[in-house]
Amino acid sequence: MIKKLTKHGNSYALIIDRGVMDLLQINEKTSLYVTTDGKNLIISPAASETRKEKFEAALQEVNQKHSRALKRLS
C-alpha cells in the first residue's frame, strides 16, 4: 500500500484506512507511538495506562507469592 501525506493546516497528515485500523484494533481515540529507525517511520499503538497498571499489579502479586523461590533462583 502506498500512501501520500495530506496537507492539514500547517502540518501534514497520514490517513490510515479503516481496514488497517480494524486489523490493529485501534480507533480515533487510540494513542499512537511514533518512532523511526533512521530509514523507516514506525507507528504502533501506545501501551494503555490501564494495561500497564494491570501488569504491574500482577507482577507485584507474583513477587509477593513467590519471593522466596525467586530469591533462591537468582
Protein backbone atom coordinates (compact mmCIF):
# COMPACT_ATOMS: atom_id res chain seq x y z
CA MET A 1 0.00 0.00 0.00
CA ILE A 2 1.45 3.35 -0.99
CA LYS A 3 0.19 6.46 0.78
CA LYS A 4 0.79 10.18 0.35
CA LEU A 5 0.73 12.85 3.02
CA THR A 6 -2.26 15.17 3.09
CA LYS A 7 -2.00 18.89 3.93
CA HIS A 8 -3.68 19.58 7.30
CA GLY A 9 -3.33 23.22 8.38
CA ASN A 10 0.39 23.98 8.72
CA SER A 11 1.21 20.26 9.01
CA TYR A 12 0.80 17.08 7.02
CA ALA A 13 -1.27 14.02 7.94
CA LEU A 14 -1.09 10.36 7.06
CA ILE A 15 -4.56 8.89 6.55
CA ILE A 16 -4.94 5.36 7.95
CA ASP A 17 -7.56 3.25 6.19
CA ARG A 18 -10.40 1.75 8.25
CA GLY A 19 -9.28 -1.79 7.33
CA VAL A 20 -5.80 -1.21 8.79
CA MET A 21 -7.32 0.34 11.92
CA ASP A 22 -9.61 -2.67 12.33
CA LEU A 23 -6.69 -5.05 11.86
CA LEU A 24 -4.67 -3.25 14.55
CA GLN A 25 -7.73 -2.88 16.79
CA ILE A 26 -7.29 0.88 17.09
CA ASN A 27 -9.69 3.78 16.74
CA GLU A 28 -9.54 7.58 16.65
CA LYS A 29 -9.04 7.68 20.43
CA THR A 30 -6.06 5.29 20.47
CA SER A 31 -2.75 6.93 21.33
CA LEU A 32 -0.06 6.06 18.82
CA TYR A 33 3.68 5.80 19.45
CA VAL A 34 5.66 7.24 16.52
CA THR A 35 9.36 6.43 16.16
CA THR A 36 11.94 5.81 13.46
CA ASP A 37 14.89 3.53 12.92
CA GLY A 38 16.58 6.14 10.74
CA LYS A 39 15.06 4.88 7.49
CA ASN A 40 11.50 3.87 8.35
CA LEU A 41 8.64 5.52 10.15
CA ILE A 42 7.20 3.15 12.77
CA ILE A 43 3.71 3.78 14.14
CA SER A 44 2.32 1.47 16.81
CA PRO A 45 -0.44 1.62 19.42
CA ALA A 46 0.87 3.08 22.69
CA ALA A 47 0.56 0.94 25.78
CA SER A 48 -2.54 1.99 27.69
CA GLU A 49 -2.26 3.07 31.31
CA THR A 50 -4.89 0.50 32.32
CA ARG A 51 -2.90 -2.32 30.77
CA LYS A 52 0.30 -1.07 32.42
CA GLU A 53 -1.43 -0.87 35.81
CA LYS A 54 -2.80 -4.42 35.44
CA PHE A 55 0.65 -5.72 34.52
CA GLU A 56 2.31 -4.00 37.48
CA ALA A 57 -0.36 -5.34 39.86
CA ALA A 58 0.12 -8.88 38.52
CA LEU A 59 3.90 -8.56 38.82
CA GLN A 60 3.61 -7.39 42.42
CA GLU A 61 1.29 -10.30 43.24
CA VAL A 62 3.72 -12.83 41.75
CA ASN A 63 6.62 -11.27 43.63
CA GLN A 64 4.70 -11.46 46.91
CA LYS A 65 3.59 -15.07 46.41
CA HIS A 66 6.89 -16.41 45.11
CA SER A 67 9.54 -14.08 46.54
CA ARG A 68 11.42 -16.86 48.37
CA ALA A 69 11.62 -19.05 45.28
CA LEU A 70 12.65 -16.13 43.09
CA LYS A 71 15.41 -15.16 45.54
CA ARG A 72 16.75 -18.73 45.52
CA LEU A 73 16.70 -18.80 41.72
CA SER A 74 18.68 -15.58 41.46
